């Protein structure tokens, strides 16, 4: 059964790693896929059309439908061209999977403004630009009475949701993406759009920059390993099926496990009627330092934060 039959999907950062696995699985499940990848390196430098084109050729060789796109997702006009290409090529757009990402890891005291801006731009602005243009198209379709189930899946990371040293830029962007997803879902539900977010943990070239040697060699045919990038894609595909009821949620996906995050929640309080004095707070608020709460990180012993994209 092809669970995505007739659906048109854009997948960004789909030339390699997790994005590539998304594109191949979506095509096998019947989706028509726009394979977006600028083709830069892990730092976001350079450009190469080869990765995206190779994925398209692989999809077509297997009998699927796909087209390559090489636009920069963080470029306003480029993101619009990407959405327009999907509609003009395949007649509609039902799914947007934002996966493109880069790393510029550095301890905070050594991080340059350029390293901060580059990561925030690709991840946070890149998610905004593509979602903004897709949302505009879907709003117009809804107003014209052509509302059908649409889905967005964004890509966060445990580097943001749990935290990881050396990645203040990446972590800030990824936490922002999770919050962006929750709010976007609330806003776009009126147009039949569901927005969810995943934080994947898999061995990709980005992992190799955080934990050298972690990038997984090509597995033998049919071989399963917990860090295989292909472990992430089935759940993403499920979130994009027409009948999926899930929306406004953030998940951690690793190996054969799928974990649901609980967003920021209050775990303790102090209160009084009237204004606090600093002296009173010195006495009452200091106990916040001793409040214990478990983040529930199932991979807390690992040295890397699990970037995906």
Foldseek 3Di string as FASTA:
>chain_A
DQLQAPAEEEFAPCLFFLNVLQLQNNQVSHYAYEYEAQCAPQARDDGDQPSSVVSQVVSVVVPGHYHYQNFQLLDQVSLLVSLVCRCVVRPAHAEYEYFDFHADFAAPVPDDPVRLVSRLRRQQSSVVRNVVNNLVVLVVCVVVVNAAAHEYEYEAWLCQLVNAGRGPSNNVSRVVVLVVQLVVQVVRVVSNYAGEYEHEFAATVRVCVQPPPSRDDDDDVPDADFRHSSQPNVVVVLRRGRPDPDGSWYWYTTRPDIGTADPDDDDDDDDDPDDDDPVVCVVPVVCVVVDDDDRPPPPVVDNDTRRTD
